[in-house]
Amino acid sequence: MTTLVFLLEEPSAKDLLEGLLPALLPLDEITVRYLVFEGKRDLESKMARRLRSWRAPDSRFVVLRDQDAGDCKRVKARLQELADQGDRPEALIRVACRELESWILGDWEAVGEAYDRPNLRRQKDKARYRNPDELSNPAHELRKFIPDYRKRDGARRLGKLLHPDRNTSPSFKVFCQGVRRVCGTEANRPGQE
């Protein structure tokens, strides 16, 4: 059985993925493991050593980090350098442009459903939100509509509701496609048509 290992900069990424992955992958055929770090510095300082020490056979790796204010290409190049140092050059490196909330703002239908505010669905038609990866502070934008939004609670609520085919975040789509490719399941899963 394939083991898919996620290296994540924060717990909210794990919370979101636990809800999302059942819609992306045949989890009866894939074992998922999460290595959650305490921020991007912790991830980057320990990543190569963790990759190098992983011994389970038939393991595949996905590294996910927020872009935040950094240059996306530089962030990705640095993570690839660390994967190379960890003897895992094949690791899939993905950067959430700017942060996980960009992925959430890419699916207003999911936001409306998660917070029982169906009128929020109309936000998807506004030019400002057509490409949420371009927003400088997606969490701030989300709090305009949901003032009590909290990162982990939001990730738990929304992970299972995010839909790759309707999501307008390019980095979310690229992440989903990459995870499917790494696992050899590029075709859509049921409910994701």
C-alpha atoms as a PDB file:
ATOM      1  CA  MET A   1       0.000   0.000   0.000  1.00  0.00           C
ATOM      2  CA  THR A   2       1.235   3.473  -0.887  1.00  0.00           C
ATOM      3  CA  THR A   3       1.957   5.863   1.968  1.00  0.00           C
ATOM      4  CA  LEU A   4       1.419   9.529   1.196  1.00  0.00           C
ATOM      5  CA  VAL A   5       3.385  11.721   3.607  1.00  0.00           C
ATOM      6  CA  PHE A   6       2.511  15.392   3.949  1.00  0.00           C
ATOM      7  CA  LEU A   7       5.032  17.799   5.439  1.00  0.00           C
ATOM      8  CA  LEU A   8       3.018  20.799   6.603  1.00  0.00           C
ATOM      9  CA  GLU A   9       3.977  24.085   8.189  1.00  0.00           C
ATOM     10  CA  GLU A  10       0.988  24.255  10.540  1.00  0.00           C
ATOM     11  CA  PRO A  11      -1.879  22.249  12.076  1.00  0.00           C
ATOM     12  CA  SER A  12      -4.590  24.056  10.081  1.00  0.00           C
ATOM     13  CA  ALA A  13      -3.178  22.557   6.874  1.00  0.00           C
ATOM     14  CA  LYS A  14      -3.647  19.080   8.350  1.00  0.00           C
ATOM     15  CA  ASP A  15      -7.179  19.985   9.427  1.00  0.00           C
ATOM     16  CA  LEU A  16      -8.059  21.102   5.903  1.00  0.00           C
ATOM     17  CA  LEU A  17      -6.449  18.073   4.232  1.00  0.00           C
ATOM     18  CA  GLU A  18      -8.213  15.590   6.509  1.00  0.00           C
ATOM     19  CA  GLY A  19     -11.498  16.866   5.097  1.00  0.00           C
ATOM     20  CA  LEU A  20     -10.339  17.309   1.498  1.00  0.00           C
ATOM     21  CA  LEU A  21      -8.407  14.101   0.806  1.00  0.00           C
ATOM     22  CA  PRO A  22     -11.357  11.663   0.916  1.00  0.00           C
ATOM     23  CA  ALA A  23     -12.772  13.507  -2.108  1.00  0.00           C
ATOM     24  CA  LEU A  24      -9.432  13.475  -3.954  1.00  0.00           C
ATOM     25  CA  LEU A  25      -7.995  10.024  -3.284  1.00  0.00           C
ATOM     26  CA  PRO A  26      -9.032   6.414  -2.736  1.00  0.00           C
ATOM     27  CA  LEU A  27      -8.062   6.351   0.931  1.00  0.00           C
ATOM     28  CA  ASP A  28      -8.806   2.643   1.123  1.00  0.00           C
ATOM     29  CA  GLU A  29      -5.736   2.188  -1.123  1.00  0.00           C
ATOM     30  CA  ILE A  30      -3.494   4.921   0.299  1.00  0.00           C
ATOM     31  CA  THR A  31      -2.222   5.467   3.833  1.00  0.00           C
ATOM     32  CA  VAL A  32      -1.856   9.135   4.715  1.00  0.00           C
ATOM     33  CA  ARG A  33       0.628  10.437   7.275  1.00  0.00           C
ATOM     34  CA  TYR A  34       1.088  14.020   8.399  1.00  0.00           C
ATOM     35  CA  LEU A  35       4.288  15.575   9.674  1.00  0.00           C
ATOM     36  CA  VAL A  36       3.142  18.899  11.109  1.00  0.00           C
ATOM     37  CA  PHE A  37       5.696  21.553  11.973  1.00  0.00           C
ATOM     38  CA  GLU A  38       5.499  24.695  14.077  1.00  0.00           C
ATOM     39  CA  GLY A  39       5.687  27.228  11.278  1.00  0.00           C
ATOM     40  CA  LYS A  40       7.737  27.664   8.147  1.00  0.00           C
ATOM     41  CA  ARG A  41      11.086  28.071   9.941  1.00  0.00           C
ATOM     42  CA  ASP A  42      10.555  24.814  11.803  1.00  0.00           C
ATOM     43  CA  LEU A  43       9.528  23.076   8.570  1.00  0.00           C
ATOM     44  CA  GLU A  44      12.573  24.328   6.713  1.00  0.00           C
ATOM     45  CA  SER A  45      15.022  23.577   9.522  1.00  0.00           C
ATOM     46  CA  LYS A  46      13.855  19.956   9.929  1.00  0.00           C
ATOM     47  CA  MET A  47      12.562  18.995   6.487  1.00  0.00           C
ATOM     48  CA  ALA A  48      15.708  17.460   4.959  1.00  0.00           C
ATOM     49  CA  ARG A  49      16.432  15.367   8.059  1.00  0.00           C
ATOM     50  CA  ARG A  50      12.828  14.104   8.262  1.00  0.00           C
ATOM     51  CA  LEU A  51      12.790  13.140   4.595  1.00  0.00           C
ATOM     52  CA  ARG A  52      16.157  11.408   4.817  1.00  0.00           C
ATOM     53  CA  SER A  53      15.139   9.394   7.889  1.00  0.00           C
ATOM     54  CA  TRP A  54      11.774   8.183   6.485  1.00  0.00           C
ATOM     55  CA  ARG A  55      12.150   4.472   5.791  1.00  0.00           C
ATOM     56  CA  ALA A  56       8.647   3.132   5.029  1.00  0.00           C
ATOM     57  CA  PRO A  57       8.643   1.555   1.550  1.00  0.00           C
ATOM     58  CA  ASP A  58       6.446   2.884  -1.269  1.00  0.00           C
ATOM     59  CA  SER A  59       6.184   6.340   0.315  1.00  0.00           C
ATOM     60  CA  ARG A  60       5.498   9.512  -1.590  1.00  0.00           C
ATOM     61  CA  PHE A  61       5.971  12.979  -0.227  1.00  0.00           C
ATOM     62  CA  VAL A  62       4.108  16.277  -0.520  1.00  0.00           C
ATOM     63  CA  VAL A  63       5.458  19.455   1.042  1.00  0.00           C
ATOM     64  CA  LEU A  64       2.961  22.272   1.548  1.00  0.00           C
ATOM     65  CA  ARG A  65       3.833  25.741   2.751  1.00  0.00           C
ATOM     66  CA  ASP A  66       2.143  29.132   2.599  1.00  0.00           C
ATOM     67  CA  GLN A  67       3.727  31.738   0.373  1.00  0.00           C
ATOM     68  CA  ASP A  68       2.900  34.558   2.781  1.00  0.00           C
ATOM     69  CA  ALA A  69       4.880  37.631   1.683  1.00  0.00           C
ATOM     70  CA  GLY A  70       7.668  35.638   0.017  1.00  0.00           C
ATOM     71  CA  ASP A  71       8.386  35.217  -3.668  1.00  0.00           C
ATOM     72  CA  CYS A  72       6.598  32.031  -4.749  1.00  0.00           C
ATOM     73  CA  LYS A  73       9.382  30.841  -7.038  1.00  0.00           C
ATOM     74  CA  ARG A  74      12.030  31.384  -4.367  1.00  0.00           C
ATOM     75  CA  VAL A  75       9.950  29.616  -1.714  1.00  0.00           C
ATOM     76  CA  LYS A  76       9.412  26.649  -4.001  1.00  0.00           C
ATOM     77  CA  ALA A  77      13.083  26.549  -5.035  1.00  0.00           C
ATOM     78  CA  ARG A  78      14.179  26.579  -1.377  1.00  0.00           C
ATOM     79  CA  LEU A  79      11.812  23.721  -0.527  1.00  0.00           C
ATOM     80  CA  GLN A  80      13.048  21.747  -3.533  1.00  0.00           C
ATOM     81  CA  GLU A  81      16.632  22.300  -2.391  1.00  0.00           C
ATOM     82  CA  LEU A  82      15.693  20.886   1.031  1.00  0.00           C
ATOM     83  CA  ALA A  83      13.940  17.890  -0.585  1.00  0.00           C
ATOM     84  CA  ASP A  84      17.122  17.249  -2.585  1.00  0.00           C
ATOM     85  CA  GLN A  85      19.199  17.449   0.609  1.00  0.00           C
ATOM     86  CA  GLY A  86      16.792  14.934   2.150  1.00  0.00           C
ATOM     87  CA  ASP A  87      17.419  12.502  -0.731  1.00  0.00           C
ATOM     88  CA  ARG A  88      13.818  12.944  -1.933  1.00  0.00           C
ATOM     89  CA  PRO A  89      14.119  15.031  -5.113  1.00  0.00           C
ATOM     90  CA  GLU A  90      10.823  13.544  -6.323  1.00  0.00           C
ATOM     91  CA  ALA A  91       8.867  15.138  -3.448  1.00  0.00           C
ATOM     92  CA  LEU A  92       5.948  17.225  -4.667  1.00  0.00           C
ATOM     93  CA  ILE A  93       6.454  20.818  -3.564  1.00  0.00           C
ATOM     94  CA  ARG A  94       3.384  23.024  -3.390  1.00  0.00           C
ATOM     95  CA  VAL A  95       2.994  26.592  -2.187  1.00  0.00           C
ATOM     96  CA  ALA A  96      -0.392  27.980  -1.164  1.00  0.00           C
ATOM     97  CA  CYS A  97      -0.494  31.437  -2.721  1.00  0.00           C
ATOM     98  CA  ARG A  98      -0.659  33.512  -0.246  1.00  0.00           C
ATOM     99  CA  GLU A  99      -2.134  31.265   2.436  1.00  0.00           C
ATOM    100  CA  LEU A 100      -4.727  28.518   2.933  1.00  0.00           C
ATOM    101  CA  GLU A 101      -7.448  31.152   3.142  1.00  0.00           C
ATOM    102  CA  SER A 102      -6.839  31.836  -0.562  1.00  0.00           C
ATOM    103  CA  TRP A 103      -7.981  28.281  -1.213  1.00  0.00           C
ATOM    104  CA  ILE A 104     -11.058  28.888   0.943  1.00  0.00           C
ATOM    105  CA  LEU A 105     -11.924  32.139  -0.844  1.00  0.00           C
ATOM    106  CA  GLY A 106     -11.720  30.236  -4.111  1.00  0.00           C
ATOM    107  CA  ASP A 107     -14.932  28.394  -3.213  1.00  0.00           C
ATOM    108  CA  TRP A 108     -17.568  30.803  -1.918  1.00  0.00           C
ATOM    109  CA  GLU A 109     -20.234  28.123  -2.199  1.00  0.00           C
ATOM    110  CA  ALA A 110     -18.317  26.070   0.375  1.00  0.00           C
ATOM    111  CA  VAL A 111     -17.875  29.131   2.620  1.00  0.00           C
ATOM    112  CA  GLY A 112     -21.607  29.842   2.488  1.00  0.00           C
ATOM    113  CA  GLU A 113     -22.433  26.250   3.329  1.00  0.00           C
ATOM    114  CA  ALA A 114     -19.857  25.928   6.135  1.00  0.00           C
ATOM    115  CA  TYR A 115     -21.063  29.057   7.908  1.00  0.00           C
ATOM    116  CA  ASP A 116     -24.757  28.748   7.014  1.00  0.00           C
ATOM    117  CA  ARG A 117     -24.650  31.999   5.056  1.00  0.00           C
ATOM    118  CA  PRO A 118     -25.878  31.119   1.558  1.00  0.00           C
ATOM    119  CA  ASN A 119     -25.717  34.764   0.415  1.00  0.00           C
ATOM    120  CA  LEU A 120     -21.918  34.571   0.535  1.00  0.00           C
ATOM    121  CA  ARG A 121     -22.048  32.519  -2.671  1.00  0.00           C
ATOM    122  CA  ARG A 122     -22.580  35.760  -4.575  1.00  0.00           C
ATOM    123  CA  GLN A 123     -19.037  36.893  -3.726  1.00  0.00           C
ATOM    124  CA  LYS A 124     -17.647  34.552  -6.385  1.00  0.00           C
ATOM    125  CA  ASP A 125     -18.935  36.909  -9.076  1.00  0.00           C
ATOM    126  CA  LYS A 126     -17.023  39.907  -7.761  1.00  0.00           C
ATOM    127  CA  ALA A 127     -13.851  40.722  -9.689  1.00  0.00           C
ATOM    128  CA  ARG A 128     -11.892  41.043  -6.438  1.00  0.00           C
ATOM    129  CA  TYR A 129     -12.394  37.355  -5.633  1.00  0.00           C
ATOM    130  CA  ARG A 130     -12.052  35.759  -9.063  1.00  0.00           C
ATOM    131  CA  ASN A 131      -8.419  34.927  -8.380  1.00  0.00           C
ATOM    132  CA  PRO A 132      -7.993  34.750  -4.599  1.00  0.00           C
ATOM    133  CA  ASP A 133      -4.284  33.917  -4.968  1.00  0.00           C
ATOM    134  CA  GLU A 134      -3.735  37.586  -5.840  1.00  0.00           C
ATOM    135  CA  LEU A 135      -5.181  38.897  -2.572  1.00  0.00           C
ATOM    136  CA  SER A 136      -2.491  40.222  -0.237  1.00  0.00           C
ATOM    137  CA  ASN A 137      -4.269  39.121   2.968  1.00  0.00           C
ATOM    138  CA  PRO A 138      -6.916  36.445   2.322  1.00  0.00           C
ATOM    139  CA  ALA A 139      -7.566  35.781   6.033  1.00  0.00           C
ATOM    140  CA  HIS A 140      -8.403  39.471   6.510  1.00  0.00           C
ATOM    141  CA  GLU A 141     -10.754  39.328   3.514  1.00  0.00           C
ATOM    142  CA  LEU A 142     -12.498  36.286   4.960  1.00  0.00           C
ATOM    143  CA  ARG A 143     -12.939  38.005   8.331  1.00  0.00           C
ATOM    144  CA  LYS A 144     -14.798  40.861   6.605  1.00  0.00           C
ATOM    145  CA  PHE A 145     -17.626  38.370   6.040  1.00  0.00           C
ATOM    146  CA  ILE A 146     -17.064  36.051   9.001  1.00  0.00           C
ATOM    147  CA  PRO A 147     -15.653  38.191  11.825  1.00  0.00           C
ATOM    148  CA  ASP A 148     -15.258  35.221  14.167  1.00  0.00           C
ATOM    149  CA  TYR A 149     -13.338  33.146  11.588  1.00  0.00           C
ATOM    150  CA  ARG A 150     -10.564  31.080  13.181  1.00  0.00           C
ATOM    151  CA  LYS A 151      -7.920  29.289  11.123  1.00  0.00           C
ATOM    152  CA  ARG A 152      -8.243  25.732  12.485  1.00  0.00           C
ATOM    153  CA  ASP A 153     -12.001  25.817  12.872  1.00  0.00           C
ATOM    154  CA  GLY A 154     -12.335  27.176   9.337  1.00  0.00           C
ATOM    155  CA  ALA A 155     -10.007  24.510   7.953  1.00  0.00           C
ATOM    156  CA  ARG A 156     -12.027  21.763   9.676  1.00  0.00           C
ATOM    157  CA  ARG A 157     -15.341  23.138   8.422  1.00  0.00           C
ATOM    158  CA  LEU A 158     -14.211  23.792   4.880  1.00  0.00           C
ATOM    159  CA  GLY A 159     -11.809  20.972   4.001  1.00  0.00           C
ATOM    160  CA  LYS A 160     -14.629  18.544   3.270  1.00  0.00           C
ATOM    161  CA  LEU A 161     -16.586  21.161   1.311  1.00  0.00           C
ATOM    162  CA  LEU A 162     -13.914  22.558  -1.030  1.00  0.00           C
ATOM    163  CA  HIS A 163     -14.511  21.435  -4.592  1.00  0.00           C
ATOM    164  CA  PRO A 164     -11.466  21.404  -6.919  1.00  0.00           C
ATOM    165  CA  ASP A 165     -13.509  21.866 -10.076  1.00  0.00           C
ATOM    166  CA  ARG A 166     -15.334  25.014  -8.950  1.00  0.00           C
ATOM    167  CA  ASN A 167     -12.500  26.505  -6.894  1.00  0.00           C
ATOM    168  CA  THR A 168     -10.993  29.609  -8.488  1.00  0.00           C
ATOM    169  CA  SER A 169      -7.659  29.464  -6.637  1.00  0.00           C
ATOM    170  CA  PRO A 170      -5.013  28.403  -9.158  1.00  0.00           C
ATOM    171  CA  SER A 171      -2.674  27.190  -6.384  1.00  0.00           C
ATOM    172  CA  PHE A 172      -5.468  25.000  -4.968  1.00  0.00           C
ATOM    173  CA  LYS A 173      -6.132  23.450  -8.360  1.00  0.00           C
ATOM    174  CA  VAL A 174      -2.427  22.813  -8.940  1.00  0.00           C
ATOM    175  CA  PHE A 175      -2.147  21.254  -5.473  1.00  0.00           C
ATOM    176  CA  CYS A 176      -5.085  18.893  -6.106  1.00  0.00           C
ATOM    177  CA  GLN A 177      -3.783  17.885  -9.543  1.00  0.00           C
ATOM    178  CA  GLY A 178      -0.313  17.270  -8.132  1.00  0.00           C
ATOM    179  CA  VAL A 179      -1.553  15.105  -5.267  1.00  0.00           C
ATOM    180  CA  ARG A 180      -3.650  13.031  -7.659  1.00  0.00           C
ATOM    181  CA  ARG A 181      -0.690  12.655 -10.004  1.00  0.00           C
ATOM    182  CA  VAL A 182       1.688  11.594  -7.217  1.00  0.00           C
ATOM    183  CA  CYS A 183      -0.793   8.898  -6.204  1.00  0.00           C
ATOM    184  CA  GLY A 184      -1.614   7.862  -9.762  1.00  0.00           C
ATOM    185  CA  THR A 185      -5.261   8.912  -9.435  1.00  0.00           C
ATOM    186  CA  GLU A 186      -5.498  11.804 -11.894  1.00  0.00           C
ATOM    187  CA  ALA A 187      -9.117  10.973 -12.748  1.00  0.00           C
ATOM    188  CA  ASN A 188     -11.748  12.718 -10.664  1.00  0.00           C
ATOM    189  CA  ARG A 189     -13.056  10.942  -7.607  1.00  0.00           C
ATOM    190  CA  PRO A 190     -16.812  10.412  -7.175  1.00  0.00           C
ATOM    191  CA  GLY A 191     -18.533  13.651  -6.303  1.00  0.00           C
ATOM    192  CA  GLN A 192     -15.789  15.735  -7.910  1.00  0.00           C
ATOM    193  CA  GLU A 193     -17.065  15.654 -11.501  1.00  0.00           C
END
